[in-house]
Amino acid sequence: MSTTHSPCSPGRPARRLRRPGRILLAVAGLTTVLLASACDTAQQVPWATYSSQLQQQIDAAAAVGKCATLQALLTAANASSSAHEKATGYPNDALVAYIQGAQHQAGCPA
């Protein structure tokens, strides 16, 4: 007489390897880490190499949702990156990332 065993014991429920809730939790955690690292962008920008009011201008535009102003600042940052790097040794990469973060915060279209 042969017996067959089911993969799960009768008293133990089957365990799923991946649960949708755990996947969502992992995605939420990753999103939080990415957003937190975006906040560090302000510290990565060499603000001393720019106009003293630039950060406040960006933050104010983001706070009131002035997407056109943020886009103009982004366009200027991209256009002047090479010249800024030649003059200061720093490209505008961190500034561009900061402005893009401000656009996202303001809800501007990508």
C-alpha atoms as a PDB file:
ATOM      1  CA  MET A   1       0.000   0.000   0.000  1.00  0.00           C
ATOM      2  CA  SER A   2       1.504   3.289  -1.012  1.00  0.00           C
ATOM      3  CA  THR A   3       0.734   6.562   0.593  1.00  0.00           C
ATOM      4  CA  THR A   4       0.947   9.919  -0.989  1.00  0.00           C
ATOM      5  CA  HIS A   5       1.818  13.015   0.923  1.00  0.00           C
ATOM      6  CA  SER A   6       0.591  16.411   0.023  1.00  0.00           C
ATOM      7  CA  PRO A   7       3.222  19.129  -0.129  1.00  0.00           C
ATOM      8  CA  CYS A   8       1.648  20.753   2.918  1.00  0.00           C
ATOM      9  CA  SER A   9       0.909  19.050   6.159  1.00  0.00           C
ATOM     10  CA  PRO A  10      -2.794  19.017   6.986  1.00  0.00           C
ATOM     11  CA  GLY A  11      -2.281  21.176  10.070  1.00  0.00           C
ATOM     12  CA  ARG A  12      -0.128  23.829   8.391  1.00  0.00           C
ATOM     13  CA  PRO A  13      -1.369  26.315   5.822  1.00  0.00           C
ATOM     14  CA  ALA A  14       0.548  26.708   2.612  1.00  0.00           C
ATOM     15  CA  ARG A  15       3.066  29.523   2.734  1.00  0.00           C
ATOM     16  CA  ARG A  16       3.419  31.771  -0.265  1.00  0.00           C
ATOM     17  CA  LEU A  17       6.884  32.843  -1.210  1.00  0.00           C
ATOM     18  CA  ARG A  18       5.805  36.323  -2.290  1.00  0.00           C
ATOM     19  CA  ARG A  19       2.798  38.089  -0.969  1.00  0.00           C
ATOM     20  CA  PRO A  20       1.369  41.162  -2.661  1.00  0.00           C
ATOM     21  CA  GLY A  21       1.425  43.009   0.663  1.00  0.00           C
ATOM     22  CA  ARG A  22       5.133  42.365   1.118  1.00  0.00           C
ATOM     23  CA  ILE A  23       5.884  43.501  -2.410  1.00  0.00           C
ATOM     24  CA  LEU A  24       3.929  46.715  -1.830  1.00  0.00           C
ATOM     25  CA  LEU A  25       5.773  47.235   1.440  1.00  0.00           C
ATOM     26  CA  ALA A  26       9.112  46.785  -0.308  1.00  0.00           C
ATOM     27  CA  VAL A  27       8.123  49.254  -3.040  1.00  0.00           C
ATOM     28  CA  ALA A  28       6.959  51.766  -0.433  1.00  0.00           C
ATOM     29  CA  GLY A  29      10.243  51.391   1.427  1.00  0.00           C
ATOM     30  CA  LEU A  30      12.255  51.914  -1.729  1.00  0.00           C
ATOM     31  CA  THR A  31      10.194  54.974  -2.616  1.00  0.00           C
ATOM     32  CA  THR A  32      10.791  56.412   0.850  1.00  0.00           C
ATOM     33  CA  VAL A  33      14.525  55.891   0.533  1.00  0.00           C
ATOM     34  CA  LEU A  34      14.587  57.556  -2.878  1.00  0.00           C
ATOM     35  CA  LEU A  35      12.563  60.528  -1.661  1.00  0.00           C
ATOM     36  CA  ALA A  36      14.751  60.888   1.417  1.00  0.00           C
ATOM     37  CA  SER A  37      17.867  60.854  -0.720  1.00  0.00           C
ATOM     38  CA  ALA A  38      16.318  63.518  -2.949  1.00  0.00           C
ATOM     39  CA  CYS A  39      16.036  65.753   0.109  1.00  0.00           C
ATOM     40  CA  ASP A  40      19.805  65.484   0.521  1.00  0.00           C
ATOM     41  CA  THR A  41      20.215  67.100  -2.908  1.00  0.00           C
ATOM     42  CA  ALA A  42      20.066  70.570  -1.323  1.00  0.00           C
ATOM     43  CA  GLN A  43      23.181  69.700   0.656  1.00  0.00           C
ATOM     44  CA  GLN A  44      24.931  68.445  -2.478  1.00  0.00           C
ATOM     45  CA  VAL A  45      24.450  71.689  -4.409  1.00  0.00           C
ATOM     46  CA  PRO A  46      27.481  73.995  -4.065  1.00  0.00           C
ATOM     47  CA  TRP A  47      25.253  76.992  -3.271  1.00  0.00           C
ATOM     48  CA  ALA A  48      28.227  79.323  -2.713  1.00  0.00           C
ATOM     49  CA  THR A  49      28.980  79.140  -6.451  1.00  0.00           C
ATOM     50  CA  TYR A  50      25.547  80.531  -7.382  1.00  0.00           C
ATOM     51  CA  SER A  51      23.593  83.711  -6.764  1.00  0.00           C
ATOM     52  CA  SER A  52      22.836  84.092  -3.055  1.00  0.00           C
ATOM     53  CA  GLN A  53      19.067  84.088  -3.691  1.00  0.00           C
ATOM     54  CA  LEU A  54      18.877  81.119  -6.070  1.00  0.00           C
ATOM     55  CA  GLN A  55      17.867  78.462  -3.545  1.00  0.00           C
ATOM     56  CA  GLN A  56      15.195  80.714  -2.043  1.00  0.00           C
ATOM     57  CA  GLN A  57      13.915  81.502  -5.549  1.00  0.00           C
ATOM     58  CA  ILE A  58      13.628  77.803  -6.381  1.00  0.00           C
ATOM     59  CA  ASP A  59      11.975  76.966  -3.060  1.00  0.00           C
ATOM     60  CA  ALA A  60       9.496  79.844  -3.356  1.00  0.00           C
ATOM     61  CA  ALA A  61       8.533  78.843  -6.896  1.00  0.00           C
ATOM     62  CA  ALA A  62       8.018  75.246  -5.769  1.00  0.00           C
ATOM     63  CA  ALA A  63       5.926  76.315  -2.774  1.00  0.00           C
ATOM     64  CA  VAL A  64       3.419  78.220  -4.903  1.00  0.00           C
ATOM     65  CA  GLY A  65       3.555  75.906  -7.928  1.00  0.00           C
ATOM     66  CA  LYS A  66       5.174  78.279 -10.415  1.00  0.00           C
ATOM     67  CA  CYS A  67       6.038  75.616 -12.968  1.00  0.00           C
ATOM     68  CA  ALA A  68       7.035  78.133 -15.660  1.00  0.00           C
ATOM     69  CA  THR A  69       9.597  79.715 -13.319  1.00  0.00           C
ATOM     70  CA  LEU A  70      11.008  76.329 -12.366  1.00  0.00           C
ATOM     71  CA  GLN A  71      11.226  75.330 -16.035  1.00  0.00           C
ATOM     72  CA  ALA A  72      13.053  78.572 -16.867  1.00  0.00           C
ATOM     73  CA  LEU A  73      15.510  77.953 -14.025  1.00  0.00           C
ATOM     74  CA  LEU A  74      16.027  74.377 -15.182  1.00  0.00           C
ATOM     75  CA  THR A  75      16.630  75.488 -18.769  1.00  0.00           C
ATOM     76  CA  ALA A  76      19.148  78.098 -17.600  1.00  0.00           C
ATOM     77  CA  ALA A  77      20.924  75.567 -15.368  1.00  0.00           C
ATOM     78  CA  ASN A  78      21.243  73.092 -18.229  1.00  0.00           C
ATOM     79  CA  ALA A  79      22.425  75.766 -20.676  1.00  0.00           C
ATOM     80  CA  SER A  80      25.054  77.185 -18.338  1.00  0.00           C
ATOM     81  CA  SER A  81      26.443  73.947 -16.914  1.00  0.00           C
ATOM     82  CA  SER A  82      29.643  73.898 -18.990  1.00  0.00           C
ATOM     83  CA  ALA A  83      30.412  77.560 -18.318  1.00  0.00           C
ATOM     84  CA  HIS A  84      29.702  77.111 -14.612  1.00  0.00           C
ATOM     85  CA  GLU A  85      31.982  74.089 -14.457  1.00  0.00           C
ATOM     86  CA  LYS A  86      34.797  75.986 -16.194  1.00  0.00           C
ATOM     87  CA  ALA A  87      34.435  78.900 -13.786  1.00  0.00           C
ATOM     88  CA  THR A  88      33.959  76.991 -10.525  1.00  0.00           C
ATOM     89  CA  GLY A  89      34.941  73.379 -11.108  1.00  0.00           C
ATOM     90  CA  TYR A  90      31.373  72.230 -10.460  1.00  0.00           C
ATOM     91  CA  PRO A  91      28.875  71.246 -13.161  1.00  0.00           C
ATOM     92  CA  ASN A  92      25.213  72.078 -12.594  1.00  0.00           C
ATOM     93  CA  ASP A  93      24.204  68.427 -12.143  1.00  0.00           C
ATOM     94  CA  ALA A  94      23.241  68.792  -8.465  1.00  0.00           C
ATOM     95  CA  LEU A  95      21.413  72.057  -9.182  1.00  0.00           C
ATOM     96  CA  VAL A  96      19.501  70.441 -12.043  1.00  0.00           C
ATOM     97  CA  ALA A  97      18.495  67.550  -9.754  1.00  0.00           C
ATOM     98  CA  TYR A  98      17.391  70.032  -7.084  1.00  0.00           C
ATOM     99  CA  ILE A  99      15.236  71.964  -9.542  1.00  0.00           C
ATOM    100  CA  GLN A 100      13.730  68.747 -10.886  1.00  0.00           C
ATOM    101  CA  GLY A 101      12.879  67.738  -7.320  1.00  0.00           C
ATOM    102  CA  ALA A 102      11.246  71.128  -6.810  1.00  0.00           C
ATOM    103  CA  GLN A 103       9.210  70.616  -9.993  1.00  0.00           C
ATOM    104  CA  HIS A 104       8.067  67.243  -8.716  1.00  0.00           C
ATOM    105  CA  GLN A 105       7.171  68.746  -5.325  1.00  0.00           C
ATOM    106  CA  ALA A 106       5.177  71.493  -7.052  1.00  0.00           C
ATOM    107  CA  GLY A 107       3.307  68.956  -9.184  1.00  0.00           C
ATOM    108  CA  CYS A 108       4.669  70.291 -12.457  1.00  0.00           C
ATOM    109  CA  PRO A 109       4.351  68.094 -15.559  1.00  0.00           C
ATOM    110  CA  ALA A 110       7.493  66.182 -16.372  1.00  0.00           C
END
